[in-house]
Structure formats: structure tokens, C-alpha cells
Amino acid sequence: MGNGNYRIVVLLVPALFVSCDIFQTRTADPPAQTSSSYVSPVVASDVFDNMRSAFQDQNPENYLKSFSDSATFGRTFVFDASPQARSQYFGVFIAWTKQSEQEYFTNMNAKILAGKAAGLSFTTLSAVSEQSDSAQYDAEYLLTVPHSQAGIPTVFQGRAQFFLIRNSLNSTWSIWHWVDFRDAQNDPGWSDLKGAFAQ
């Protein structure tokens, strides 16, 4: 009798473990990730490639890496908006900072239509001067932003001067001074995009 009971217990215990799967590990859900095409800007022109990909990827963190700060690069980022945008968006550009860049970029992405992405192209990009620790690039740009905000253009184009600095510790480049201009046709430019989505 005792031997028979023992055989029943031995048969039931494995069945319990199989049916309950109490020791089986669950596959973890993949973490939510923002697309990234960022490359370490060891060449000055890499900064502009990263800006392009940040627009395509809608990645504010990578966009922000394009700009200097006093702690890392020894210079605080400065943006000079076009005179037209300074007049239209009065007060917005008085104290424009690196944080302001992040805010407009994040606000812009929040308004982009589902399934769409903003696009940035530099139609011309030329190095005016390039030293071992500094560089100046002149550019003409075209921005397309398929957003849902009424009363704001979806195409922005103009000219810009970018002054870059190199971090001597890790040999990476960033923009420390950016001067924006409207084009000859007075079309809305990058400053206007920033002003429109600054808040």
C-alpha cells in the first residue's frame, strides 16, 4: 500500500512542474528606442550629417549634440536669428540657448503628421576656413516639415554661417555660433521654424 502511494506521488510531481511552468523565464519586452544614425563628429563636416539624420530620425538628443556648451567645449552656444524672424517673433530670440534648440525641435516633432518625418538638406555646404581647432562653414539649406500646425509654413529655406569648435579632449566638433539669413526671395527660414515652435 505504501509503495503504491509513493509511485503516484512521483508521477504527479513532474506533471505539476510541466503544467505550471513556474521556473520558465519570460522573454523580456524590447525597450522603446529612438532611431539613431549618429556618428562621432571627429571631422567638422560630420556635424552636418548628424543634423540631417537627427531630423530624419526625429531624435532631439542627437540634434542637441551638434551644439557646444561651456562645460564640454569651453564656449556657450550662440544663435543669431534672421532680422525678419527677430521682428516677427519679438522676444523669442533675446535669450536663445542650447536648451531652446531642444525645445523647438521637440515641439516641432510633436506636430509632425503620423508616418511622416522632417527633412533637412544642405543644398550647398562649403568650408570657408578650417583650422585644427576651429572652422567656419557657409551653407544654403532646405527644410521640409510635414506638420499639422495651422498658419505655419511646411517649407523653410535660407542661408547660414556656422562657426565650429573642436574639443581637445575627445577630438569631436560642435557648432558654437550660428548666424541665420533668409534667402533672396525672403522665404521663411530656419529662424522662422524655430520661432514658430519655440513654445
N, C-alpha and C. Protein backbone atom coordinates (compact mmCIF):
# COMPACT_ATOMS: atom_id res chain seq x y z
N MET A 1 0.83 -1.21 0.00
CA MET A 1 0.00 0.00 0.00
C MET A 1 0.86 1.25 0.00
N GLY A 2 1.84 1.21 0.90
CA GLY A 2 2.74 2.37 0.96
C GLY A 2 3.51 2.55 -0.31
N ASN A 3 3.96 1.43 -0.91
CA ASN A 3 4.72 1.54 -2.16
C ASN A 3 3.87 2.09 -3.29
N GLY A 4 2.61 1.73 -3.31
CA GLY A 4 1.71 2.23 -4.37
C GLY A 4 1.50 3.72 -4.27
N ASN A 5 1.33 4.21 -3.06
CA ASN A 5 1.16 5.66 -2.86
C ASN A 5 2.40 6.42 -3.30
N TYR A 6 3.53 5.88 -3.03
CA TYR A 6 4.79 6.54 -3.41
C TYR A 6 4.89 6.71 -4.91
N ARG A 7 4.48 5.67 -5.65
CA ARG A 7 4.54 5.75 -7.13
C ARG A 7 3.62 6.84 -7.66
N ILE A 8 2.49 7.05 -7.07
CA ILE A 8 1.54 8.07 -7.53
C ILE A 8 2.12 9.46 -7.31
N VAL A 9 2.74 9.68 -6.16
CA VAL A 9 3.34 10.99 -5.87
C VAL A 9 4.45 11.29 -6.85
N VAL A 10 5.29 10.33 -7.14
CA VAL A 10 6.40 10.53 -8.07
C VAL A 10 5.89 10.91 -9.44
N LEU A 11 4.80 10.37 -9.87
CA LEU A 11 4.26 10.66 -11.19
C LEU A 11 3.59 12.03 -11.24
N LEU A 12 2.97 12.43 -10.12
CA LEU A 12 2.24 13.70 -10.11
C LEU A 12 3.15 14.91 -10.00
N VAL A 13 4.24 14.80 -9.27
CA VAL A 13 5.11 15.96 -9.05
C VAL A 13 5.68 16.49 -10.36
N PRO A 14 6.23 15.67 -11.26
CA PRO A 14 6.70 16.21 -12.54
C PRO A 14 5.58 16.85 -13.34
N ALA A 15 4.37 16.29 -13.25
CA ALA A 15 3.24 16.86 -14.00
C ALA A 15 2.92 18.26 -13.52
N LEU A 16 3.06 18.48 -12.21
CA LEU A 16 2.81 19.82 -11.68
C LEU A 16 3.76 20.84 -12.27
N PHE A 17 5.05 20.51 -12.34
CA PHE A 17 6.04 21.45 -12.85
C PHE A 17 5.83 21.73 -14.33
N VAL A 18 5.41 20.72 -15.08
CA VAL A 18 5.21 20.91 -16.52
C VAL A 18 4.01 21.79 -16.78
N SER A 19 2.91 21.57 -16.03
CA SER A 19 1.69 22.31 -16.32
C SER A 19 1.77 23.76 -15.84
N CYS A 20 2.53 24.03 -14.75
CA CYS A 20 2.57 25.39 -14.21
C CYS A 20 3.67 26.24 -14.82
N ASP A 21 4.75 25.64 -15.30
CA ASP A 21 5.88 26.38 -15.87
C ASP A 21 6.39 27.45 -14.91
N ILE A 22 6.44 27.11 -13.62
CA ILE A 22 6.78 28.15 -12.65
C ILE A 22 8.25 28.56 -12.71
N PHE A 23 9.10 27.73 -13.31
CA PHE A 23 10.52 28.07 -13.40
C PHE A 23 10.93 28.55 -14.78
N GLN A 24 9.98 28.67 -15.68
CA GLN A 24 10.31 29.10 -17.05
C GLN A 24 10.45 30.62 -17.10
N THR A 25 11.52 31.11 -17.69
CA THR A 25 11.74 32.56 -17.78
C THR A 25 10.96 33.14 -18.95
N ARG A 26 10.46 34.38 -18.75
CA ARG A 26 9.70 35.06 -19.78
C ARG A 26 10.63 35.93 -20.61
N THR A 27 10.41 35.95 -21.91
CA THR A 27 11.21 36.80 -22.78
C THR A 27 10.87 38.26 -22.50
N ALA A 28 11.90 39.06 -22.24
CA ALA A 28 11.69 40.47 -21.91
C ALA A 28 11.23 41.25 -23.13
N ASP A 29 10.36 42.25 -22.89
CA ASP A 29 9.94 43.12 -23.98
C ASP A 29 11.10 44.01 -24.39
N PRO A 30 11.27 44.22 -25.69
CA PRO A 30 12.36 45.09 -26.13
C PRO A 30 12.12 46.51 -25.69
N PRO A 31 13.16 47.24 -25.26
CA PRO A 31 12.97 48.63 -24.81
C PRO A 31 12.61 49.53 -25.97
N ALA A 32 11.80 50.55 -25.65
CA ALA A 32 11.44 51.53 -26.68
C ALA A 32 12.68 52.34 -27.03
N GLN A 33 12.96 52.46 -28.31
CA GLN A 33 14.17 53.15 -28.73
C GLN A 33 13.85 54.18 -29.80
N THR A 34 14.59 55.29 -29.77
CA THR A 34 14.51 56.28 -30.83
C THR A 34 15.58 55.94 -31.86
N SER A 35 15.19 56.03 -33.12
CA SER A 35 16.14 55.70 -34.17
C SER A 35 17.34 56.64 -34.11
N SER A 36 18.52 56.11 -34.40
CA SER A 36 19.72 56.92 -34.32
C SER A 36 20.70 56.56 -35.42
N SER A 37 21.13 57.57 -36.16
CA SER A 37 22.17 57.40 -37.17
C SER A 37 23.38 58.24 -36.82
N TYR A 38 23.53 58.56 -35.55
CA TYR A 38 24.58 59.46 -35.08
C TYR A 38 25.96 58.85 -35.25
N VAL A 39 26.90 59.68 -35.70
CA VAL A 39 28.30 59.27 -35.77
C VAL A 39 29.12 60.27 -34.96
N SER A 40 30.17 59.81 -34.34
CA SER A 40 31.02 60.71 -33.57
C SER A 40 31.67 61.72 -34.53
N PRO A 41 31.44 63.03 -34.32
CA PRO A 41 31.91 64.04 -35.27
C PRO A 41 33.39 64.36 -35.13
N VAL A 42 34.23 63.45 -35.56
CA VAL A 42 35.68 63.65 -35.49
C VAL A 42 36.17 64.50 -36.67
N VAL A 43 35.31 64.70 -37.66
CA VAL A 43 35.55 65.63 -38.76
C VAL A 43 34.47 66.70 -38.68
N ALA A 44 34.81 67.94 -38.93
CA ALA A 44 33.84 69.04 -38.75
C ALA A 44 32.56 68.83 -39.55
N SER A 45 32.68 68.33 -40.77
CA SER A 45 31.51 68.14 -41.61
C SER A 45 30.56 67.06 -41.09
N ASP A 46 31.05 66.20 -40.18
CA ASP A 46 30.18 65.18 -39.58
C ASP A 46 29.03 65.81 -38.81
N VAL A 47 29.25 67.00 -38.28
CA VAL A 47 28.20 67.69 -37.52
C VAL A 47 26.96 67.89 -38.38
N PHE A 48 27.15 68.23 -39.64
CA PHE A 48 26.02 68.50 -40.53
C PHE A 48 25.32 67.20 -40.95
N ASP A 49 26.09 66.12 -41.08
CA ASP A 49 25.48 64.82 -41.32
C ASP A 49 24.60 64.41 -40.15
N ASN A 50 25.08 64.69 -38.94
CA ASN A 50 24.30 64.36 -37.75
C ASN A 50 23.04 65.21 -37.64
N MET A 51 23.12 66.46 -38.05
CA MET A 51 21.92 67.30 -38.03
C MET A 51 20.88 66.77 -39.01
N ARG A 52 21.33 66.36 -40.18
CA ARG A 52 20.41 65.79 -41.17
C ARG A 52 19.73 64.54 -40.64
N SER A 53 20.52 63.64 -40.06
CA SER A 53 19.94 62.39 -39.58
C SER A 53 19.06 62.61 -38.36
N ALA A 54 19.36 63.61 -37.54
CA ALA A 54 18.52 63.90 -36.38
C ALA A 54 17.12 64.32 -36.81
N PHE A 55 17.03 65.09 -37.90
CA PHE A 55 15.72 65.45 -38.43
C PHE A 55 14.99 64.22 -38.95
N GLN A 56 15.69 63.41 -39.71
CA GLN A 56 15.08 62.20 -40.28
C GLN A 56 14.64 61.24 -39.18
N ASP A 57 15.46 61.09 -38.15
CA ASP A 57 15.17 60.15 -37.06
C ASP A 57 14.27 60.75 -35.98
N GLN A 58 14.02 62.06 -36.05
CA GLN A 58 13.26 62.76 -35.02
C GLN A 58 13.90 62.53 -33.65
N ASN A 59 15.20 62.76 -33.60
CA ASN A 59 15.98 62.44 -32.40
C ASN A 59 16.53 63.72 -31.77
N PRO A 60 15.86 64.28 -30.76
CA PRO A 60 16.32 65.54 -30.15
C PRO A 60 17.66 65.42 -29.44
N GLU A 61 17.96 64.26 -28.87
CA GLU A 61 19.24 64.08 -28.17
C GLU A 61 20.40 64.22 -29.14
N ASN A 62 20.30 63.58 -30.30
CA ASN A 62 21.38 63.68 -31.28
C ASN A 62 21.45 65.07 -31.89
N TYR A 63 20.29 65.70 -32.08
CA TYR A 63 20.29 67.07 -32.60
C TYR A 63 21.05 67.99 -31.64
N LEU A 64 20.81 67.82 -30.35
CA LEU A 64 21.42 68.70 -29.36
C LEU A 64 22.94 68.52 -29.29
N LYS A 65 23.42 67.34 -29.63
CA LYS A 65 24.86 67.08 -29.61
C LYS A 65 25.62 67.91 -30.63
N SER A 66 24.91 68.53 -31.57
CA SER A 66 25.56 69.35 -32.60
C SER A 66 26.05 70.69 -32.06
N PHE A 67 25.64 71.04 -30.83
CA PHE A 67 25.90 72.38 -30.31
C PHE A 67 26.80 72.33 -29.08
N SER A 68 27.65 73.34 -28.98
CA SER A 68 28.63 73.38 -27.89
C SER A 68 27.98 73.83 -26.59
N ASP A 69 28.71 73.62 -25.52
CA ASP A 69 28.37 74.19 -24.22
C ASP A 69 29.67 74.53 -23.51
N SER A 70 29.58 75.40 -22.54
CA SER A 70 30.80 75.89 -21.88
C SER A 70 31.51 74.78 -21.11
N ALA A 71 30.76 73.83 -20.58
CA ALA A 71 31.36 72.77 -19.78
C ALA A 71 32.21 71.82 -20.62
N THR A 72 31.73 71.48 -21.82
CA THR A 72 32.41 70.49 -22.65
C THR A 72 33.38 71.13 -23.64
N PHE A 73 32.95 72.23 -24.24
CA PHE A 73 33.74 72.83 -25.31
C PHE A 73 34.34 74.18 -24.95
N GLY A 74 33.99 74.71 -23.79
CA GLY A 74 34.57 75.97 -23.37
C GLY A 74 33.89 77.19 -23.96
N ARG A 75 32.85 76.99 -24.76
CA ARG A 75 32.11 78.12 -25.34
C ARG A 75 30.61 77.83 -25.27
N THR A 76 29.86 78.83 -24.86
CA THR A 76 28.41 78.72 -24.82
C THR A 76 27.84 78.91 -26.22
N PHE A 77 26.86 78.12 -26.58
CA PHE A 77 26.25 78.19 -27.90
C PHE A 77 25.52 79.53 -28.09
N VAL A 78 25.68 80.12 -29.28
CA VAL A 78 25.04 81.40 -29.63
C VAL A 78 24.32 81.24 -30.96
N PHE A 79 23.06 81.67 -31.02
CA PHE A 79 22.30 81.67 -32.28
C PHE A 79 21.85 83.08 -32.61
N ASP A 80 22.18 83.56 -33.81
CA ASP A 80 21.72 84.85 -34.30
C ASP A 80 20.63 84.62 -35.33
N ALA A 81 19.40 84.90 -34.95
CA ALA A 81 18.27 84.72 -35.86
C ALA A 81 18.28 85.79 -36.95
N SER A 82 17.59 85.50 -38.04
CA SER A 82 17.48 86.49 -39.11
C SER A 82 16.73 87.72 -38.59
N PRO A 83 17.03 88.92 -39.13
CA PRO A 83 16.33 90.13 -38.67
C PRO A 83 14.81 90.01 -38.81
N GLN A 84 14.35 89.38 -39.89
CA GLN A 84 12.91 89.24 -40.10
C GLN A 84 12.25 88.41 -39.00
N ALA A 85 12.92 87.31 -38.63
CA ALA A 85 12.36 86.45 -37.57
C ALA A 85 12.43 87.13 -36.21
N ARG A 86 13.49 87.87 -35.96
CA ARG A 86 13.58 88.59 -34.68
C ARG A 86 12.44 89.59 -34.55
N SER A 87 12.07 90.20 -35.66
CA SER A 87 10.97 91.16 -35.65
C SER A 87 9.62 90.46 -35.49
N GLN A 88 9.45 89.34 -36.20
CA GLN A 88 8.17 88.63 -36.18
C GLN A 88 7.93 87.94 -34.84
N TYR A 89 8.97 87.32 -34.31
CA TYR A 89 8.84 86.59 -33.04
C TYR A 89 9.55 87.39 -31.95
N PHE A 90 9.01 88.56 -31.70
CA PHE A 90 9.65 89.51 -30.79
C PHE A 90 9.86 88.88 -29.42
N GLY A 91 11.06 88.97 -28.92
CA GLY A 91 11.39 88.48 -27.59
C GLY A 91 11.85 87.04 -27.55
N VAL A 92 11.50 86.24 -28.56
CA VAL A 92 11.84 84.82 -28.54
C VAL A 92 13.35 84.60 -28.59
N PHE A 93 14.04 85.41 -29.38
CA PHE A 93 15.46 85.17 -29.62
C PHE A 93 16.38 86.01 -28.73
N ILE A 94 15.82 86.73 -27.77
CA ILE A 94 16.64 87.57 -26.90
C ILE A 94 17.61 86.71 -26.07
N ALA A 95 17.12 85.61 -25.58
CA ALA A 95 17.95 84.74 -24.73
C ALA A 95 17.89 83.31 -25.25
N TRP A 96 18.17 83.12 -26.53
CA TRP A 96 18.12 81.80 -27.15
C TRP A 96 19.33 80.98 -26.70
N THR A 97 19.10 79.76 -26.25
CA THR A 97 20.15 78.91 -25.71
C THR A 97 20.13 77.54 -26.36
N LYS A 98 21.06 76.71 -25.95
CA LYS A 98 21.07 75.32 -26.39
C LYS A 98 19.79 74.61 -25.97
N GLN A 99 19.28 74.94 -24.80
CA GLN A 99 18.02 74.37 -24.32
C GLN A 99 16.86 74.80 -25.22
N SER A 100 16.93 76.02 -25.74
CA SER A 100 15.90 76.50 -26.67
C SER A 100 15.88 75.65 -27.94
N GLU A 101 17.07 75.25 -28.39
CA GLU A 101 17.16 74.38 -29.57
C GLU A 101 16.41 73.07 -29.32
N GLN A 102 16.61 72.51 -28.14
CA GLN A 102 15.94 71.25 -27.82
C GLN A 102 14.43 71.43 -27.76
N GLU A 103 13.98 72.53 -27.17
CA GLU A 103 12.54 72.75 -27.00
C GLU A 103 11.83 72.92 -28.34
N TYR A 104 12.39 73.73 -29.24
CA TYR A 104 11.70 73.91 -30.52
C TYR A 104 11.70 72.60 -31.30
N PHE A 105 12.83 71.88 -31.25
CA PHE A 105 12.95 70.64 -32.01
C PHE A 105 11.95 69.59 -31.51
N THR A 106 11.80 69.49 -30.20
CA THR A 106 10.84 68.56 -29.61
C THR A 106 9.42 68.96 -29.93
N ASN A 107 9.10 70.26 -29.82
CA ASN A 107 7.76 70.75 -30.14
C ASN A 107 7.42 70.51 -31.61
N MET A 108 8.38 70.73 -32.48
CA MET A 108 8.17 70.51 -33.91
C MET A 108 7.83 69.05 -34.18
N ASN A 109 8.62 68.15 -33.61
CA ASN A 109 8.38 66.72 -33.85
C ASN A 109 7.02 66.26 -33.35
N ALA A 110 6.54 66.89 -32.28
CA ALA A 110 5.24 66.52 -31.72
C ALA A 110 4.11 66.87 -32.68
N LYS A 111 4.34 67.78 -33.60
CA LYS A 111 3.31 68.22 -34.54
C LYS A 111 3.43 67.56 -35.91
N ILE A 112 4.45 66.76 -36.12
CA ILE A 112 4.63 66.12 -37.42
C ILE A 112 3.58 65.04 -37.62
N LEU A 113 3.03 64.97 -38.82
CA LEU A 113 1.97 64.03 -39.13
C LEU A 113 2.46 62.59 -38.98
N ALA A 114 1.55 61.72 -38.57
CA ALA A 114 1.89 60.32 -38.36
C ALA A 114 2.42 59.70 -39.65
N GLY A 115 3.50 58.96 -39.52
CA GLY A 115 4.10 58.29 -40.67
C GLY A 115 4.99 59.19 -41.50
N LYS A 116 5.13 60.45 -41.12
CA LYS A 116 5.97 61.40 -41.86
C LYS A 116 7.21 61.74 -41.04
N ALA A 117 8.15 62.40 -41.68
CA ALA A 117 9.37 62.85 -40.99
C ALA A 117 9.84 64.15 -41.62
N ALA A 118 10.43 65.01 -40.80
CA ALA A 118 11.02 66.23 -41.33
C ALA A 118 12.27 65.89 -42.11
N GLY A 119 12.61 66.76 -43.05
CA GLY A 119 13.81 66.53 -43.85
C GLY A 119 14.66 67.79 -43.91
N LEU A 120 15.96 67.61 -43.80
CA LEU A 120 16.93 68.70 -43.89
C LEU A 120 17.95 68.36 -44.95
N SER A 121 18.17 69.29 -45.85
CA SER A 121 19.27 69.12 -46.82
C SER A 121 20.04 70.42 -46.91
N PHE A 122 21.35 70.29 -47.02
CA PHE A 122 22.21 71.45 -47.27
C PHE A 122 22.48 71.46 -48.76
N THR A 123 21.83 72.38 -49.46
CA THR A 123 21.97 72.43 -50.92
C THR A 123 23.37 72.87 -51.32
N THR A 124 23.98 73.70 -50.49
CA THR A 124 25.41 73.99 -50.62
C THR A 124 26.00 73.98 -49.22
N LEU A 125 27.23 73.50 -49.11
CA LEU A 125 27.92 73.47 -47.83
C LEU A 125 29.41 73.55 -48.12
N SER A 126 30.03 74.64 -47.71
CA SER A 126 31.44 74.83 -48.04
C SER A 126 32.21 75.33 -46.83
N ALA A 127 33.41 74.83 -46.68
CA ALA A 127 34.29 75.25 -45.60
C ALA A 127 35.00 76.54 -46.00
N VAL A 128 34.67 77.63 -45.33
CA VAL A 128 35.31 78.92 -45.59
C VAL A 128 36.71 78.92 -45.00
N SER A 129 36.82 78.37 -43.80
CA SER A 129 38.12 78.22 -43.15
C SER A 129 38.05 77.00 -42.26
N GLU A 130 39.19 76.34 -42.10
CA GLU A 130 39.23 75.16 -41.25
C GLU A 130 40.61 75.03 -40.66
N GLN A 131 40.70 75.21 -39.35
CA GLN A 131 41.93 75.08 -38.61
C GLN A 131 41.88 73.79 -37.78
N SER A 132 42.91 73.54 -37.02
CA SER A 132 42.94 72.31 -36.24
C SER A 132 41.90 72.30 -35.13
N ASP A 133 41.51 73.49 -34.64
CA ASP A 133 40.57 73.55 -33.54
C ASP A 133 39.34 74.42 -33.81
N SER A 134 39.19 74.95 -35.02
CA SER A 134 38.04 75.78 -35.35
C SER A 134 37.77 75.73 -36.85
N ALA A 135 36.52 76.04 -37.21
CA ALA A 135 36.15 76.01 -38.63
C ALA A 135 34.95 76.91 -38.85
N GLN A 136 34.82 77.41 -40.08
CA GLN A 136 33.62 78.14 -40.49
C GLN A 136 33.08 77.51 -41.76
N TYR A 137 31.77 77.23 -41.75
CA TYR A 137 31.09 76.70 -42.93
C TYR A 137 29.97 77.64 -43.32
N ASP A 138 29.84 77.88 -44.61
CA ASP A 138 28.70 78.61 -45.14
C ASP A 138 27.78 77.61 -45.84
N ALA A 139 26.48 77.79 -45.67
CA ALA A 139 25.55 76.80 -46.21
C ALA A 139 24.28 77.45 -46.73
N GLU A 140 23.68 76.79 -47.69
CA GLU A 140 22.30 77.05 -48.09
C GLU A 140 21.52 75.79 -47.73
N TYR A 141 20.35 75.95 -47.17
CA TYR A 141 19.61 74.79 -46.66
C TYR A 141 18.16 74.79 -47.12
N LEU A 142 17.57 73.62 -47.04
CA LEU A 142 16.15 73.43 -47.34
C LEU A 142 15.58 72.49 -46.28
N LEU A 143 14.54 72.94 -45.62
CA LEU A 143 13.86 72.16 -44.59
C LEU A 143 12.42 71.89 -45.01
N THR A 144 12.00 70.64 -44.92
CA THR A 144 10.59 70.31 -45.15
C THR A 144 10.05 69.69 -43.87
N VAL A 145 8.96 70.25 -43.37
CA VAL A 145 8.40 69.83 -42.08
C VAL A 145 6.90 69.57 -42.26
N PRO A 146 6.51 68.31 -42.49
CA PRO A 146 5.09 67.99 -42.72
C PRO A 146 4.30 67.94 -41.40
N HIS A 147 3.99 69.13 -40.87
CA HIS A 147 3.35 69.22 -39.56
C HIS A 147 1.86 69.52 -39.71
N SER A 148 1.18 69.56 -38.57
CA SER A 148 -0.27 69.76 -38.57
C SER A 148 -0.67 71.12 -38.00
N GLN A 149 0.30 71.99 -37.78
CA GLN A 149 0.02 73.28 -37.14
C GLN A 149 -0.47 74.29 -38.17
N ALA A 150 -1.67 74.80 -37.98
CA ALA A 150 -2.24 75.76 -38.93
C ALA A 150 -1.47 77.08 -38.88
N GLY A 151 -1.32 77.70 -40.05
CA GLY A 151 -0.71 79.02 -40.13
C GLY A 151 0.80 79.04 -40.14
N ILE A 152 1.43 77.87 -40.14
CA ILE A 152 2.89 77.80 -40.16
C ILE A 152 3.32 77.10 -41.44
N PRO A 153 4.29 77.66 -42.18
CA PRO A 153 4.74 77.02 -43.43
C PRO A 153 5.30 75.62 -43.17
N THR A 154 5.38 74.84 -44.23
CA THR A 154 5.97 73.50 -44.12
C THR A 154 7.32 73.42 -44.83
N VAL A 155 7.70 74.49 -45.53
CA VAL A 155 8.99 74.54 -46.23
C VAL A 155 9.74 75.79 -45.77
N PHE A 156 11.00 75.60 -45.41
CA PHE A 156 11.84 76.69 -44.93
C PHE A 156 13.19 76.60 -45.66
N GLN A 157 13.66 77.74 -46.13
CA GLN A 157 14.95 77.73 -46.82
C GLN A 157 15.67 79.05 -46.59
N GLY A 158 16.98 78.98 -46.64
CA GLY A 158 17.75 80.18 -46.39
C GLY A 158 19.24 79.89 -46.41
N ARG A 159 19.99 80.79 -45.77
CA ARG A 159 21.45 80.67 -45.72
C ARG A 159 21.90 80.72 -44.27
N ALA A 160 23.06 80.17 -44.02
CA ALA A 160 23.58 80.18 -42.64
C ALA A 160 25.10 80.18 -42.64
N GLN A 161 25.64 80.77 -41.60
CA GLN A 161 27.06 80.66 -41.30
C GLN A 161 27.20 79.89 -40.01
N PHE A 162 28.03 78.86 -40.03
CA PHE A 162 28.25 78.03 -38.86
C PHE A 162 29.72 78.13 -38.44
N PHE A 163 29.92 78.45 -37.17
CA PHE A 163 31.26 78.51 -36.62
C PHE A 163 31.41 77.33 -35.65
N LEU A 164 32.39 76.48 -35.90
CA LEU A 164 32.55 75.26 -35.13
C LEU A 164 33.82 75.29 -34.30
N ILE A 165 33.81 74.50 -33.24
CA ILE A 165 34.96 74.38 -32.36
C ILE A 165 35.21 72.91 -32.09
N ARG A 166 36.47 72.59 -31.87
CA ARG A 166 36.87 71.19 -31.64
C ARG A 166 37.22 71.00 -30.17
N ASN A 167 36.70 69.94 -29.60
CA ASN A 167 37.02 69.59 -28.22
C ASN A 167 38.38 68.90 -28.20
N SER A 168 39.33 69.48 -27.49
CA SER A 168 40.68 68.94 -27.48
C SER A 168 40.80 67.61 -26.73
N LEU A 169 39.82 67.31 -25.87
CA LEU A 169 39.88 66.09 -25.07
C LEU A 169 39.46 64.85 -25.87
N ASN A 170 38.38 64.98 -26.65
CA ASN A 170 37.91 63.81 -27.40
C ASN A 170 37.89 64.02 -28.91
N SER A 171 38.42 65.17 -29.36
CA SER A 171 38.59 65.46 -30.79
C SER A 171 37.27 65.51 -31.57
N THR A 172 36.17 65.84 -30.90
CA THR A 172 34.89 65.98 -31.59
C THR A 172 34.57 67.45 -31.83
N TRP A 173 33.70 67.68 -32.81
CA TRP A 173 33.35 69.03 -33.23
C TRP A 173 31.91 69.37 -32.85
N SER A 174 31.66 70.66 -32.67
CA SER A 174 30.29 71.14 -32.46
C SER A 174 30.18 72.58 -32.93
N ILE A 175 28.94 73.03 -33.10
CA ILE A 175 28.66 74.41 -33.51
C ILE A 175 28.58 75.29 -32.26
N TRP A 176 29.35 76.37 -32.24
CA TRP A 176 29.25 77.27 -31.09
C TRP A 176 28.57 78.60 -31.48
N HIS A 177 28.57 78.94 -32.77
CA HIS A 177 27.94 80.18 -33.21
C HIS A 177 27.27 79.92 -34.56
N TRP A 178 26.01 80.31 -34.65
CA TRP A 178 25.20 80.07 -35.86
C TRP A 178 24.51 81.37 -36.22
N VAL A 179 24.72 81.85 -37.44
CA VAL A 179 24.09 83.07 -37.93
C VAL A 179 23.17 82.68 -39.08
N ASP A 180 21.90 83.04 -38.97
CA ASP A 180 20.90 82.63 -39.96
C ASP A 180 20.44 83.82 -40.79
N PHE A 181 20.18 83.56 -42.09
CA PHE A 181 19.71 84.60 -43.01
C PHE A 181 18.57 84.03 -43.86
N ARG A 182 17.62 84.88 -44.19
CA ARG A 182 16.63 84.48 -45.20
C ARG A 182 17.30 84.53 -46.58
N ASP A 183 16.67 83.87 -47.56
CA ASP A 183 17.23 83.88 -48.91
C ASP A 183 16.82 85.15 -49.64
N ALA A 184 17.24 85.28 -50.89
CA ALA A 184 16.98 86.50 -51.66
C ALA A 184 15.49 86.72 -51.89
N GLN A 185 14.72 85.65 -51.86
CA GLN A 185 13.27 85.78 -52.07
C GLN A 185 12.52 86.07 -50.77
N ASN A 186 13.27 86.19 -49.67
CA ASN A 186 12.69 86.45 -48.35
C ASN A 186 11.73 85.35 -47.90
N ASP A 187 12.05 84.12 -48.30
CA ASP A 187 11.23 82.98 -47.86
C ASP A 187 11.45 82.72 -46.37
N PRO A 188 10.49 82.09 -45.71
CA PRO A 188 10.70 81.73 -44.30
C PRO A 188 11.93 80.83 -44.17
N GLY A 189 12.76 81.13 -43.18
CA GLY A 189 13.99 80.37 -42.99
C GLY A 189 13.99 79.59 -41.69
N TRP A 190 15.16 79.08 -41.34
CA TRP A 190 15.29 78.25 -40.15
C TRP A 190 14.90 79.03 -38.89
N SER A 191 15.23 80.32 -38.84
CA SER A 191 14.85 81.14 -37.69
C SER A 191 13.34 81.16 -37.51
N ASP A 192 12.61 81.20 -38.63
CA ASP A 192 11.15 81.22 -38.57
C ASP A 192 10.61 79.89 -38.06
N LEU A 193 11.24 78.80 -38.45
CA LEU A 193 10.85 77.49 -37.93
C LEU A 193 11.05 77.44 -36.42
N LYS A 194 12.19 77.94 -35.96
CA LYS A 194 12.47 77.94 -34.53
C LYS A 194 11.47 78.82 -33.78
N GLY A 195 11.21 80.00 -34.33
CA GLY A 195 10.27 80.92 -33.68
C GLY A 195 8.87 80.34 -33.59
N ALA A 196 8.46 79.67 -34.65
CA ALA A 196 7.09 79.11 -34.69
C ALA A 196 6.88 78.02 -33.67
N PHE A 197 7.92 77.23 -33.41
CA PHE A 197 7.77 76.10 -32.49
C PHE A 197 8.55 76.30 -31.18
N ALA A 198 8.87 77.55 -30.88
CA ALA A 198 9.63 77.83 -29.67
C ALA A 198 8.82 77.55 -28.41
N GLN A 199 7.50 77.60 -28.51
CA GLN A 199 6.66 77.38 -27.32
C GLN A 199 5.62 76.32 -27.59
